[in-house]
Amino acid sequence: MKYLFPMLCVVGAGAAGYVFEPQITPNLISYNQTKVRYIDGATGEEKDESALGAVKPAPAPVEPPKPAPEPAPVVKKEPEPAPMPEPAPEPEPEPPVVADKGDEMEKPAPEPVPEPAPAGATLGGDEIVKVMQESIKAAQVKEFTFDQVLAWKAGEEETVDGTNYQTGVAAYKAETIFGVKTIQAKALIKDGKVMKWIWPNSGMEIK
């Protein structure tokens, strides 16, 4: 008997729960839900809504994207013309090479060769000396040389073996058995040239 009453209570509670459960469950759910306050966009009134099933405010209108600005037209730059190369400078001409003649001695001008006097012409004193010098330089005689001559002298006209000659005398230095002596040689001149050399004293021809 002592267990009957508790068992009846349990059965009664189960039956009550079965009967009242559909009515109690919505209230319990509504009681446990979190309340959310919001302002109604249409009326402007402040309302409470549960987190579950609450009406979310309408999203803000999305602005259409602005059209991208058209790209600026690309202006093709013409390539700048290449600079013309400057002409290569012409090399300066080299100055002419001038030989240094400072140390060179001026060569004496050659003495003019006396032209032979015309046939029968009479020579002056200087001309007689020049004719004798040219004869010795040409080695017309071998008894003495031009370097041995100490003095030159024009002489008078003479007749030798029937022929008239103009004469000249050359004094030269020579070695003899008696030592160094000054000896004279006579030139017989005709037609502007020396015909022969002779010894003044003996008249013999000098070879």
Protein backbone atom coordinates (compact mmCIF):
# COMPACT_ATOMS: atom_id res chain seq x y z
CA MET A 1 0.00 0.00 0.00
CA LYS A 2 2.85 2.36 0.75
CA TYR A 3 4.15 2.11 -2.81
CA LEU A 4 0.82 2.53 -4.48
CA PHE A 5 0.44 6.22 -3.85
CA PRO A 6 3.83 7.20 -5.25
CA MET A 7 3.16 5.14 -8.30
CA LEU A 8 -0.16 6.81 -8.79
CA CYS A 9 1.57 10.21 -8.54
CA VAL A 10 4.06 9.28 -11.19
CA VAL A 11 1.39 8.07 -13.53
CA GLY A 12 -0.66 11.18 -12.92
CA ALA A 13 2.32 13.41 -13.59
CA GLY A 14 3.04 11.63 -16.80
CA ALA A 15 -0.53 11.96 -17.95
CA ALA A 16 -0.59 15.65 -17.07
CA GLY A 17 2.59 16.20 -18.93
CA TYR A 18 1.24 14.51 -21.97
CA VAL A 19 -1.86 16.64 -21.90
CA PHE A 20 -0.29 20.03 -21.13
CA GLU A 21 3.03 19.62 -23.00
CA PRO A 22 1.83 21.19 -26.32
CA GLN A 23 0.72 24.35 -24.51
CA ILE A 24 3.69 24.72 -22.23
CA THR A 25 6.45 24.17 -24.82
CA PRO A 26 5.87 27.39 -26.92
CA ASN A 27 5.83 29.51 -23.78
CA LEU A 28 9.03 27.95 -22.53
CA ILE A 29 10.73 28.52 -25.87
CA SER A 30 9.48 32.10 -26.03
CA TYR A 31 10.60 32.71 -22.44
CA ASN A 32 14.12 31.40 -23.01
CA GLN A 33 14.66 33.29 -26.26
CA THR A 34 16.75 36.45 -26.17
CA LYS A 35 14.91 39.61 -26.96
CA VAL A 36 16.22 41.96 -29.62
CA ARG A 37 15.05 45.57 -29.91
CA TYR A 38 14.93 47.26 -33.29
CA ILE A 39 13.23 50.21 -35.01
CA ASP A 40 10.72 49.33 -37.65
CA GLY A 41 11.81 51.01 -40.84
CA ALA A 42 8.30 51.42 -42.16
CA THR A 43 6.60 52.87 -39.01
CA GLY A 44 9.54 54.10 -36.98
CA GLU A 45 8.30 52.21 -33.86
CA GLU A 46 10.72 50.41 -31.56
CA LYS A 47 9.89 46.65 -31.34
CA ASP A 48 11.20 43.53 -29.58
CA GLU A 49 11.90 40.37 -31.50
CA SER A 50 13.51 37.16 -30.40
CA ALA A 51 16.85 36.27 -31.83
CA LEU A 52 15.23 33.30 -33.50
CA GLY A 53 12.94 34.27 -36.30
CA ALA A 54 13.52 38.02 -35.79
CA VAL A 55 12.91 40.06 -38.85
CA LYS A 56 16.17 41.53 -39.99
CA PRO A 57 16.11 45.09 -41.28
CA ALA A 58 16.18 45.40 -45.02
CA PRO A 59 19.73 45.73 -46.28
CA ALA A 60 20.84 49.08 -47.50
CA PRO A 61 20.46 49.47 -51.21
CA VAL A 62 23.63 48.58 -53.03
CA GLU A 63 24.85 51.37 -55.23
CA PRO A 64 25.66 50.20 -58.68
CA PRO A 65 29.38 50.29 -59.33
CA LYS A 66 30.56 53.42 -60.99
CA PRO A 67 31.75 52.85 -64.50
CA ALA A 68 35.48 52.81 -64.73
CA PRO A 69 36.85 55.91 -66.44
CA GLU A 70 37.79 55.32 -70.00
CA PRO A 71 41.53 55.06 -70.38
CA ALA A 72 43.17 58.05 -71.87
CA PRO A 73 44.06 57.47 -75.50
CA VAL A 74 47.65 56.46 -75.82
CA VAL A 75 49.47 58.90 -78.02
CA LYS A 76 52.30 57.17 -79.80
CA LYS A 77 55.38 59.28 -79.69
CA GLU A 78 57.31 59.26 -82.87
CA PRO A 79 60.88 58.22 -82.25
CA GLU A 80 63.22 61.13 -82.23
CA PRO A 81 65.56 61.08 -85.23
CA ALA A 82 69.01 59.89 -84.37
CA PRO A 83 71.49 62.78 -84.23
CA MET A 84 73.69 63.04 -87.24
CA PRO A 85 77.27 62.08 -86.37
CA GLU A 86 79.67 64.96 -86.50
CA PRO A 87 82.22 64.65 -89.31
CA ALA A 88 85.60 63.47 -88.13
CA PRO A 89 88.06 66.37 -87.94
CA GLU A 90 90.57 66.32 -90.72
CA PRO A 91 94.13 65.91 -89.47
CA GLU A 92 96.17 69.03 -89.69
CA PRO A 93 98.88 68.82 -92.33
CA GLU A 94 102.29 68.26 -90.89
CA PRO A 95 104.58 71.24 -91.23
CA PRO A 96 107.27 70.73 -93.83
CA VAL A 97 110.50 69.47 -92.38
CA VAL A 98 113.16 72.09 -92.76
CA ALA A 99 116.65 70.77 -92.57
CA ASP A 100 118.79 72.52 -90.04
CA LYS A 101 121.43 74.21 -92.08
CA GLY A 102 122.89 76.13 -89.21
CA ASP A 103 125.93 73.88 -89.00
CA GLU A 104 126.38 73.55 -92.71
CA MET A 105 128.92 75.83 -94.25
CA GLU A 106 128.00 77.55 -97.40
CA LYS A 107 129.83 75.99 -100.25
CA PRO A 108 131.81 78.51 -102.22
CA ALA A 109 130.55 79.02 -105.70
CA PRO A 110 132.85 77.36 -108.21
CA GLU A 111 135.14 79.75 -109.92
CA PRO A 112 134.14 80.33 -113.50
CA VAL A 113 136.42 78.63 -115.96
CA PRO A 114 138.04 81.30 -118.05
CA GLU A 115 137.17 81.00 -121.66
CA PRO A 116 140.18 80.77 -123.94
CA ALA A 117 141.06 84.09 -125.48
CA PRO A 118 140.58 84.38 -129.20
CA ALA A 119 143.57 83.76 -131.40
CA GLY A 120 146.00 86.65 -131.45
CA ALA A 121 144.39 88.36 -128.42
CA THR A 122 146.60 89.99 -125.82
CA LEU A 123 145.93 89.03 -122.17
CA GLY A 124 146.16 91.34 -119.21
CA GLY A 125 148.24 90.63 -116.11
CA ASP A 126 145.40 88.96 -114.11
CA GLU A 127 144.40 86.87 -117.10
CA ILE A 128 147.98 85.64 -117.53
CA VAL A 129 148.05 84.53 -113.85
CA LYS A 130 144.73 82.65 -114.22
CA VAL A 131 145.95 80.88 -117.36
CA MET A 132 149.10 79.72 -115.49
CA GLN A 133 147.05 78.50 -112.49
CA GLU A 134 144.74 76.46 -114.73
CA SER A 135 147.74 74.91 -116.45
CA ILE A 136 149.30 73.76 -113.15
CA LYS A 137 145.97 72.46 -111.82
CA ALA A 138 145.57 70.44 -115.01
CA ALA A 139 149.01 68.88 -114.31
CA GLN A 140 150.48 70.16 -117.56
CA VAL A 141 153.90 69.70 -115.89
CA LYS A 142 154.98 67.13 -113.30
CA GLU A 143 157.97 69.05 -111.90
CA PHE A 144 155.88 70.87 -109.28
CA THR A 145 152.27 71.12 -108.09
CA PHE A 146 149.86 73.95 -107.47
CA ASP A 147 150.39 73.72 -103.68
CA GLN A 148 154.14 74.28 -104.05
CA VAL A 149 153.74 77.64 -105.84
CA LEU A 150 154.58 80.64 -103.66
CA ALA A 151 154.01 83.51 -106.13
CA TRP A 152 152.60 84.25 -109.57
CA LYS A 153 153.80 87.06 -111.88
CA ALA A 154 152.90 88.24 -115.40
CA GLY A 155 155.97 88.81 -117.64
CA GLU A 156 156.76 90.60 -120.86
CA GLU A 157 156.38 89.36 -124.43
CA GLU A 158 159.27 87.31 -125.77
CA THR A 159 160.23 85.67 -129.04
CA VAL A 160 161.28 82.08 -128.70
CA ASP A 161 162.33 80.07 -131.76
CA GLY A 162 160.82 82.75 -134.00
CA THR A 163 157.39 82.78 -132.24
CA ASN A 164 156.09 85.61 -130.12
CA TYR A 165 154.69 84.60 -126.68
CA GLN A 166 153.28 86.32 -123.66
CA THR A 167 155.08 85.08 -120.55
CA GLY A 168 154.44 84.54 -116.88
CA VAL A 169 156.59 83.34 -113.99
CA ALA A 170 155.63 80.98 -111.13
CA ALA A 171 157.96 80.77 -108.11
CA TYR A 172 157.72 77.45 -106.23
CA LYS A 173 159.51 75.74 -103.35
CA ALA A 174 161.43 72.53 -104.07
CA GLU A 175 163.88 70.16 -102.37
CA THR A 176 167.35 70.19 -103.96
CA ILE A 177 170.77 68.72 -103.10
CA PHE A 178 171.52 72.05 -101.52
CA GLY A 179 168.34 72.06 -99.41
CA VAL A 180 164.99 73.77 -99.89
CA LYS A 181 165.24 76.35 -102.64
CA THR A 182 162.83 78.73 -104.40
CA ILE A 183 162.84 78.00 -108.11
CA GLN A 184 161.18 79.86 -110.97
CA ALA A 185 159.41 78.42 -113.97
CA LYS A 186 158.38 80.42 -117.06
CA ALA A 187 155.17 79.90 -118.98
CA LEU A 188 155.01 80.65 -122.72
CA ILE A 189 151.42 81.76 -123.51
CA LYS A 190 149.87 82.06 -126.95
CA ASP A 191 146.23 82.33 -128.02
CA GLY A 192 145.05 82.51 -124.39
CA LYS A 193 146.67 79.25 -123.16
CA VAL A 194 150.04 78.00 -121.90
CA MET A 195 151.91 76.34 -124.77
CA LYS A 196 154.81 75.07 -122.59
CA TRP A 197 156.83 75.66 -119.43
CA ILE A 198 160.60 76.38 -119.64
CA TRP A 199 163.50 77.08 -117.31
CA PRO A 200 164.15 80.84 -117.43
CA ASN A 201 167.95 80.59 -117.60
CA SER A 202 168.49 77.68 -119.96
CA GLY A 203 165.28 77.90 -122.00
CA MET A 204 164.84 74.12 -121.76
CA GLU A 205 161.29 72.79 -121.60
CA ILE A 206 160.04 71.55 -118.24
CA LYS A 207 158.39 68.14 -118.45
